[in-house]
Amino acid sequence: MITTTITDFRKDIKRYLDDVNDNYETLIINRGKDSGVVVISLNEYNSLYSTQYELSSKVNEHRLDSAISKAKKGQSFHKDLIEK
């Protein structure tokens, strides 16, 4: 995670955005007391959004929790995909 001020961000915006995009860094731009902006890459945003969507359904949340529990207990199985 990178933290900077709005002044420093303005001075070197390209470098900051390259770090966010290329290195999956999270950038926090402080804008005063208890105020700021978080910048993340589009890929990171899409990942977070997809996770939030999947967990917004209680049925999906239960299925994911069950699968994780089974995997931790060694009750999972391997299945090969058929390529055409």
C-alpha atoms as a PDB file:
ATOM      1  CA  MET A   1       0.000   0.000   0.000  1.00  0.00           C
ATOM      2  CA  ILE A   2       1.257   3.440  -0.954  1.00  0.00           C
ATOM      3  CA  THR A   3       0.227   6.611   0.848  1.00  0.00           C
ATOM      4  CA  THR A   4       0.791  10.115  -0.473  1.00  0.00           C
ATOM      5  CA  THR A   5      -0.539  13.649  -0.312  1.00  0.00           C
ATOM      6  CA  ILE A   6      -2.542  15.294  -3.072  1.00  0.00           C
ATOM      7  CA  THR A   7       0.403  17.640  -3.703  1.00  0.00           C
ATOM      8  CA  ASP A   8       2.892  14.802  -4.220  1.00  0.00           C
ATOM      9  CA  PHE A   9       0.348  12.888  -6.297  1.00  0.00           C
ATOM     10  CA  ARG A  10      -0.025  15.848  -8.667  1.00  0.00           C
ATOM     11  CA  LYS A  11       3.761  16.120  -9.038  1.00  0.00           C
ATOM     12  CA  ASP A  12       4.209  12.489 -10.109  1.00  0.00           C
ATOM     13  CA  ILE A  13       0.784  11.215 -11.156  1.00  0.00           C
ATOM     14  CA  LYS A  14       2.125   8.912 -13.904  1.00  0.00           C
ATOM     15  CA  ARG A  15       4.484   7.053 -11.565  1.00  0.00           C
ATOM     16  CA  TYR A  16       1.776   6.585  -8.955  1.00  0.00           C
ATOM     17  CA  LEU A  17      -0.755   5.301 -11.474  1.00  0.00           C
ATOM     18  CA  ASP A  18       1.852   3.000 -13.044  1.00  0.00           C
ATOM     19  CA  ASP A  19       2.557   1.490  -9.598  1.00  0.00           C
ATOM     20  CA  VAL A  20      -1.148   0.947  -9.032  1.00  0.00           C
ATOM     21  CA  ASN A  21      -1.696  -0.608 -12.430  1.00  0.00           C
ATOM     22  CA  ASP A  22       1.518  -2.579 -12.941  1.00  0.00           C
ATOM     23  CA  ASN A  23       2.203  -3.750  -9.373  1.00  0.00           C
ATOM     24  CA  TYR A  24      -1.365  -4.090  -8.055  1.00  0.00           C
ATOM     25  CA  GLU A  25      -0.579  -1.486  -5.421  1.00  0.00           C
ATOM     26  CA  THR A  26      -3.311   0.312  -3.508  1.00  0.00           C
ATOM     27  CA  LEU A  27      -2.782   4.062  -3.372  1.00  0.00           C
ATOM     28  CA  ILE A  28      -4.220   6.220  -0.616  1.00  0.00           C
ATOM     29  CA  ILE A  29      -4.217   9.946  -1.279  1.00  0.00           C
ATOM     30  CA  ASN A  30      -4.618  11.875   1.973  1.00  0.00           C
ATOM     31  CA  ARG A  31      -6.754  14.995   1.632  1.00  0.00           C
ATOM     32  CA  GLY A  32      -6.727  16.267   5.186  1.00  0.00           C
ATOM     33  CA  LYS A  33      -7.985  15.064   8.520  1.00  0.00           C
ATOM     34  CA  ASP A  34     -10.036  11.863   8.116  1.00  0.00           C
ATOM     35  CA  SER A  35     -10.386  12.446   4.389  1.00  0.00           C
ATOM     36  CA  GLY A  36      -8.819  10.670   1.472  1.00  0.00           C
ATOM     37  CA  VAL A  37      -9.188   8.760  -1.762  1.00  0.00           C
ATOM     38  CA  VAL A  38      -8.267   5.168  -2.544  1.00  0.00           C
ATOM     39  CA  VAL A  39      -7.005   4.286  -6.025  1.00  0.00           C
ATOM     40  CA  ILE A  40      -6.909   0.662  -7.201  1.00  0.00           C
ATOM     41  CA  SER A  41      -6.373  -0.927 -10.601  1.00  0.00           C
ATOM     42  CA  LEU A  42      -9.307  -1.851 -12.800  1.00  0.00           C
ATOM     43  CA  ASN A  43      -8.406  -5.550 -12.441  1.00  0.00           C
ATOM     44  CA  GLU A  44      -8.457  -5.256  -8.655  1.00  0.00           C
ATOM     45  CA  TYR A  45     -11.779  -3.421  -8.756  1.00  0.00           C
ATOM     46  CA  ASN A  46     -13.329  -6.067 -11.018  1.00  0.00           C
ATOM     47  CA  SER A  47     -12.090  -8.812  -8.696  1.00  0.00           C
ATOM     48  CA  LEU A  48     -13.539  -7.105  -5.618  1.00  0.00           C
ATOM     49  CA  TYR A  49     -16.819  -6.431  -7.413  1.00  0.00           C
ATOM     50  CA  SER A  50     -17.115 -10.066  -8.531  1.00  0.00           C
ATOM     51  CA  THR A  51     -16.424 -11.307  -5.016  1.00  0.00           C
ATOM     52  CA  GLN A  52     -18.993  -8.936  -3.558  1.00  0.00           C
ATOM     53  CA  TYR A  53     -21.551 -10.081  -6.127  1.00  0.00           C
ATOM     54  CA  GLU A  54     -20.944 -13.753  -5.413  1.00  0.00           C
ATOM     55  CA  LEU A  55     -21.197 -13.233  -1.658  1.00  0.00           C
ATOM     56  CA  SER A  56     -24.358 -11.118  -1.934  1.00  0.00           C
ATOM     57  CA  SER A  57     -26.380 -14.303  -2.370  1.00  0.00           C
ATOM     58  CA  LYS A  58     -26.779 -16.399   0.798  1.00  0.00           C
ATOM     59  CA  VAL A  59     -26.947 -19.550  -1.362  1.00  0.00           C
ATOM     60  CA  ASN A  60     -23.624 -18.750  -3.057  1.00  0.00           C
ATOM     61  CA  GLU A  61     -22.042 -17.750   0.254  1.00  0.00           C
ATOM     62  CA  HIS A  62     -23.091 -21.071   1.794  1.00  0.00           C
ATOM     63  CA  ARG A  63     -21.767 -23.056  -1.194  1.00  0.00           C
ATOM     64  CA  LEU A  64     -18.417 -21.279  -1.065  1.00  0.00           C
ATOM     65  CA  ASP A  65     -18.111 -21.761   2.714  1.00  0.00           C
ATOM     66  CA  SER A  66     -18.980 -25.447   2.331  1.00  0.00           C
ATOM     67  CA  ALA A  67     -16.386 -25.927  -0.424  1.00  0.00           C
ATOM     68  CA  ILE A  68     -13.687 -24.215   1.655  1.00  0.00           C
ATOM     69  CA  SER A  69     -14.563 -26.346   4.666  1.00  0.00           C
ATOM     70  CA  LYS A  70     -14.384 -29.559   2.609  1.00  0.00           C
ATOM     71  CA  ALA A  71     -11.044 -28.535   1.097  1.00  0.00           C
ATOM     72  CA  LYS A  72      -9.585 -27.858   4.565  1.00  0.00           C
ATOM     73  CA  LYS A  73     -10.754 -31.285   5.758  1.00  0.00           C
ATOM     74  CA  GLY A  74      -9.235 -33.000   2.718  1.00  0.00           C
ATOM     75  CA  GLN A  75     -12.657 -33.958   1.381  1.00  0.00           C
ATOM     76  CA  SER A  76     -12.187 -32.308  -2.000  1.00  0.00           C
ATOM     77  CA  PHE A  77     -11.468 -34.125  -5.242  1.00  0.00           C
ATOM     78  CA  HIS A  78      -9.572 -33.482  -8.458  1.00  0.00           C
ATOM     79  CA  LYS A  79     -11.359 -33.544 -11.791  1.00  0.00           C
ATOM     80  CA  ASP A  80      -9.587 -33.259 -15.147  1.00  0.00           C
ATOM     81  CA  LEU A  81     -11.140 -31.022 -17.776  1.00  0.00           C
ATOM     82  CA  ILE A  82     -11.838 -32.456 -21.201  1.00  0.00           C
ATOM     83  CA  GLU A  83     -10.301 -30.364 -23.956  1.00  0.00           C
ATOM     84  CA  LYS A  84     -11.869 -30.364 -27.389  1.00  0.00           C
END
